[in-house]
C-alpha atoms as a PDB file:
ATOM      1  CA  MET A   1       0.000   0.000   0.000  1.00  0.00           C
ATOM      2  CA  GLY A   2       1.295   3.405  -0.942  1.00  0.00           C
ATOM      3  CA  TYR A   3       3.918   2.254  -3.476  1.00  0.00           C
ATOM      4  CA  SER A   4       3.433   2.397  -7.214  1.00  0.00           C
ATOM      5  CA  ASP A   5       3.624  -0.735  -9.310  1.00  0.00           C
ATOM      6  CA  GLY A   6       6.704   0.636 -11.082  1.00  0.00           C
ATOM      7  CA  TYR A   7       8.568   1.104  -7.815  1.00  0.00           C
ATOM      8  CA  LEU A   8       7.676  -2.398  -6.612  1.00  0.00           C
ATOM      9  CA  LEU A   9       8.678  -3.834  -9.977  1.00  0.00           C
ATOM     10  CA  GLY A  10      12.072  -2.115  -9.750  1.00  0.00           C
ATOM     11  CA  VAL A  11      12.703  -3.435  -6.240  1.00  0.00           C
ATOM     12  CA  LEU A  12      11.577  -6.900  -7.287  1.00  0.00           C
ATOM     13  CA  PHE A  13      13.935  -7.025 -10.272  1.00  0.00           C
ATOM     14  CA  GLN A  14      16.838  -5.736  -8.178  1.00  0.00           C
ATOM     15  CA  GLU A  15      16.246  -8.543  -5.707  1.00  0.00           C
ATOM     16  CA  ALA A  16      15.948 -11.055  -8.559  1.00  0.00           C
ATOM     17  CA  LEU A  17      19.333  -9.976  -9.944  1.00  0.00           C
ATOM     18  CA  LEU A  18      20.907 -10.061  -6.494  1.00  0.00           C
ATOM     19  CA  LEU A  19      19.565 -13.548  -5.803  1.00  0.00           C
ATOM     20  CA  ALA A  20      20.709 -14.743  -9.234  1.00  0.00           C
ATOM     21  CA  ALA A  21      24.238 -13.502  -8.601  1.00  0.00           C
ATOM     22  CA  LEU A  22      24.387 -14.851  -5.046  1.00  0.00           C
ATOM     23  CA  GLY A  23      23.051 -18.228  -6.131  1.00  0.00           C
ATOM     24  CA  TYR A  24      25.322 -18.483  -9.147  1.00  0.00           C
ATOM     25  CA  VAL A  25      28.622 -18.089  -7.305  1.00  0.00           C
ATOM     26  CA  PRO A  26      28.389 -21.163  -5.032  1.00  0.00           C
ATOM     27  CA  GLY A  27      26.843 -23.197  -7.850  1.00  0.00           C
ATOM     28  CA  PHE A  28      29.704 -22.235 -10.150  1.00  0.00           C
ATOM     29  CA  LEU A  29      32.313 -23.218  -7.568  1.00  0.00           C
ATOM     30  CA  ILE A  30      30.611 -26.568  -6.957  1.00  0.00           C
ATOM     31  CA  ALA A  31      30.449 -27.169 -10.717  1.00  0.00           C
ATOM     32  CA  ILE A  32      34.180 -26.450 -11.084  1.00  0.00           C
ATOM     33  CA  ALA A  33      34.914 -28.948  -8.305  1.00  0.00           C
ATOM     34  CA  LEU A  34      32.676 -31.582  -9.920  1.00  0.00           C
ATOM     35  CA  TYR A  35      34.356 -31.036 -13.283  1.00  0.00           C
ATOM     36  CA  GLN A  36      37.731 -31.679 -11.644  1.00  0.00           C
ATOM     37  CA  VAL A  37      36.481 -34.823  -9.868  1.00  0.00           C
ATOM     38  CA  THR A  38      34.967 -36.124 -13.100  1.00  0.00           C
ATOM     39  CA  TYR A  39      38.145 -35.395 -15.034  1.00  0.00           C
ATOM     40  CA  ALA A  40      40.275 -37.163 -12.416  1.00  0.00           C
ATOM     41  CA  ALA A  41      37.982 -40.200 -12.365  1.00  0.00           C
ATOM     42  CA  THR A  42      37.472 -40.631 -16.116  1.00  0.00           C
ATOM     43  CA  LEU A  43      40.345 -38.706 -17.745  1.00  0.00           C
ATOM     44  CA  LEU A  44      37.843 -37.246 -20.201  1.00  0.00           C
ATOM     45  CA  PRO A  45      38.856 -33.813 -21.496  1.00  0.00           C
ATOM     46  CA  ILE A  46      36.093 -31.730 -19.935  1.00  0.00           C
ATOM     47  CA  ALA A  47      36.377 -28.222 -18.585  1.00  0.00           C
ATOM     48  CA  MET A  48      34.207 -25.260 -17.678  1.00  0.00           C
ATOM     49  CA  THR A  49      34.433 -22.890 -20.621  1.00  0.00           C
ATOM     50  CA  LEU A  50      33.709 -19.182 -20.456  1.00  0.00           C
ATOM     51  CA  THR A  51      30.863 -19.609 -22.942  1.00  0.00           C
ATOM     52  CA  ARG A  52      29.212 -22.290 -20.838  1.00  0.00           C
ATOM     53  CA  ALA A  53      29.626 -20.293 -17.623  1.00  0.00           C
ATOM     54  CA  MET A  54      28.157 -17.129 -19.173  1.00  0.00           C
ATOM     55  CA  THR A  55      25.259 -19.058 -20.719  1.00  0.00           C
ATOM     56  CA  VAL A  56      24.347 -20.550 -17.350  1.00  0.00           C
ATOM     57  CA  PHE A  57      24.633 -17.132 -15.678  1.00  0.00           C
ATOM     58  CA  ILE A  58      22.335 -15.527 -18.268  1.00  0.00           C
ATOM     59  CA  ILE A  59      19.812 -18.356 -17.926  1.00  0.00           C
ATOM     60  CA  THR A  60      19.941 -17.942 -14.136  1.00  0.00           C
ATOM     61  CA  ILE A  61      19.187 -14.226 -14.463  1.00  0.00           C
ATOM     62  CA  VAL A  62      16.303 -14.908 -16.874  1.00  0.00           C
ATOM     63  CA  MET A  63      14.778 -17.509 -14.536  1.00  0.00           C
ATOM     64  CA  CYS A  64      15.015 -15.232 -11.501  1.00  0.00           C
ATOM     65  CA  THR A  65      13.545 -12.312 -13.454  1.00  0.00           C
ATOM     66  CA  PHE A  66      10.687 -14.476 -14.735  1.00  0.00           C
ATOM     67  CA  SER A  67      10.001 -15.714 -11.221  1.00  0.00           C
ATOM     68  CA  GLY A  68       9.953 -12.123  -9.986  1.00  0.00           C
ATOM     69  CA  ALA A  69       7.546 -11.127 -12.759  1.00  0.00           C
ATOM     70  CA  VAL A  70       5.179 -13.943 -11.779  1.00  0.00           C
ATOM     71  CA  ALA A  71       5.351 -12.825  -8.145  1.00  0.00           C
ATOM     72  CA  MET A  72       4.693  -9.211  -9.186  1.00  0.00           C
ATOM     73  CA  ARG A  73       1.675 -10.282 -11.195  1.00  0.00           C
ATOM     74  CA  LYS A  74       0.298 -12.043  -8.136  1.00  0.00           C
ATOM     75  CA  LEU A  75       1.052  -8.978  -5.992  1.00  0.00           C
ATOM     76  CA  GLN A  76      -0.803  -6.679  -8.391  1.00  0.00           C
ATOM     77  CA  SER A  77      -3.905  -8.867  -8.298  1.00  0.00           C
ATOM     78  CA  ALA A  78      -3.939  -9.073  -4.484  1.00  0.00           C
ATOM     79  CA  ASP A  79      -6.469  -7.009  -2.584  1.00  0.00           C
ATOM     80  CA  PRO A  80      -4.676  -4.948   0.118  1.00  0.00           C
ATOM     81  CA  ALA A  81      -7.470  -5.687   2.587  1.00  0.00           C
ATOM     82  CA  ASP A  82      -6.871  -9.437   2.180  1.00  0.00           C
ATOM     83  CA  VAL A  83      -3.155  -9.094   2.933  1.00  0.00           C
ATOM     84  CA  PHE A  84      -3.729  -7.848   6.488  1.00  0.00           C
END
């Protein structure tokens, strides 16, 4: 109550980007470790490429933004009297 939809949308997308970045970092580090374990166990020439890492990061941002948009849609349709 009291905030415009544009303001709430901006805050929501900022949080989506922050969560995407914070979630990507530990996932990326775990993936690097798993790549090394897999390489050591199988001797297959696999590695985390920059293209693959950037693609996953972009997909992570898109998913978080889409999730935020769905939440915003639900927030816009909510009746303020029902919230409290």
